[in-house]
Amino acid sequence: MNSLSRSLGDHAAGSVRGLAAVFGSTLFQLSGIFMLSPLLLLMLKRAGVSSSVAGLFAATTWLGIFVMTPFASQLTQKIGRRQTMWLASTMPIIAAAGFMLTDVLWVWFVLELLAGITGGLRWVLAEAFIAEFAPPGQTGRYIGTYATMVGLTFVIGPSLLAWVGTDGTMALWLVIALLSVGLAWTALIPRLPPAHDQHSAHVGLQGLWQAVRAHPVIMLAGFIGGFFELGLASTLPLYGLTLGLSASASALLVATSGAGGTLVALPSGMLADRFASPIQGRRSLMRAFTLLILLSACASPWAMTATWLVWPMVAVWGAAGGALYTLAMIDIGAREKGITLVNSTAVLVLTYTLGGLVASASSGALIDLSPTFGFPVLVLGVAGLGLLALMWQRRRT
């Protein structure tokens, strides 16, 4: 009995330590990353690079995540979850140092791709860790809290950039410092026992396909959330410059989007756990947030002439997009564990990243070519089709 109590106590202590380590490392690393992303775009624009090329550069991050995510569970199974987390937290530091040492455009693309690849690994593992360490029956609360903190990094990063300024190397040095502190926090992640499905769960493409078949609605919500939260946020500095905002104000558009996600993530997570039927409750909330995105996007055709509209509009995009992703992750975390949880999280990240990739690549070009017509049609079309698809899935289930 004493042995059992000691084992349970060690597990609880490990869970608290694990949650603290993942929260701490994510806070510093993502603050650095979301400071770096708008900084690089503004540096490219200052160098005379077109918005289309800058948009493709922003999309390179999502391409790297998209390429790596299908194989996250395989790599994790081979070298271990903690070791993979350390690897994934190191590469962004190397990439940031590379941006300081060269201004060759193709080298920047390569560095951004490598950072995206390892970023995808870290993303999957961090969220799987949160679900693994969360106390029973409180998955929604902890995932919502984690999503709130992630949204907070959207605010911290661009706000630090606005404070430090975009001229000189001070901003890049601060990015490297933040990323290094985040790497140090990963050393506190405790050792985990082997997953219960370590040898029975499918990994790689077969495991991902099984996860897609098991969670189609979740993956659809992930795509919509990725498009409006991260994908559009990555090109908001370009959109702000097109609207006539200053460089600092354009960077703060990203912070505004992040603030929306920060304010909504935890309440949506706690609300999702309070429904009599949690699964149906989460589905209802997904449809409601997608409708909110559609209604807010209706203001986009008038943003060029009434620039004040852009601030509440992007706040809603960040809030509703982040809530969609939070609800999807809660749904997966409440039903999966072990390697199967890593697989399902990987597919969610994959569809979320696909949404971000599509938004970054297409919106950059449309901001260049048609900011008053093409860009509004894009955001209205994605929101409208997403809502129709979620309603169709409701009738099927």
Foldseek 3Di string as FASTA:
>chain_A
DVVVVVVVVVLLVLLVLQLVLLLQLLLLQLLLVLLPLLLVLVVCVVVVHALLVSLLLLLLLLVLLLVQLLQLLVVCLVPHLLVLLLVLLPLVLVLLVVVVVDDDVVVNSVSSSSNSNSPNNNQLSSLQSQLASDPPLCLLQSLLQSQLSSLQSLQNSLVVCLVVDSDDCPSSVSSSVSSVSSSVSSVSNDDDDAWPCSPPQDGGPVLLVVLCVVCVLLLLLLLLLLQLAQQQLSSQLVLCVLLVHDSSVSSCLSNLLSNLQNVQRNVLSVVLSPDPDSVVSLLVLSLVLLVQLLVLLVCQLCCSPVVVSSRVNSSSSSNSSSNSNSSSSSVLSNPDHHSSSSSNSSSSSNSSSVSSSVNSNVLSVCSNPPSNPPNSCVSNVSSVVSSVVSVVVVVVD
